[in-house]
Amino acid sequence: MLNINSLNNIRDQKEINKYEIYKKVLSKCHHRIKVVSQKGDSFCFYVIPEYIFGVPKYDKLCCAEYIINKLKQNGFRLTYTFPNLLFICWGHISSEISKPKTISTDLKESRTSKTKETSSEFRYKEDYKSSNNFLKKII
């Protein structure tokens, strides 16, 4: 006798296997993004592989759709080019060090404390306070 639940289990297992393959491709894409980011770039290209050794064939378009949805959920900007090219950008995310006023004041404070600790043979140009009477003193 044929069990209907076993048919559904087989179909469900195929779906689970399909998404496991997509997750493997997504993890390779994440690895590519990390490697490129360590080089200092804020964008990269990723080619969705046509096949992966040891992995059953999969639908590249559905895989591309899955990857695009997951990366957009993570905040990346993407451009898809048929059949398997992705342009991934994360430059729109501001850096934590994007506050120049805070940095400049911190640098100035650290420089003044270092100057006090060491000898005062020189001054930084940021510490110079110009006087408006400079030309009057010369003439």
Foldseek 3Di string as FASTA:
>chain_A
DDDPVVVVVVVVVVVVLQVVVLVVQLVVVVVVCVVVVVVPDFKDKDFRDQDDPPGDGHDQQVSVVVNVVVVVVVPWDWDDDPPGMIITGDVVDDDPPPPVVVVVVVVVVVVVVVPVVDPPPDDDPVPDDDDPCVVVVVD
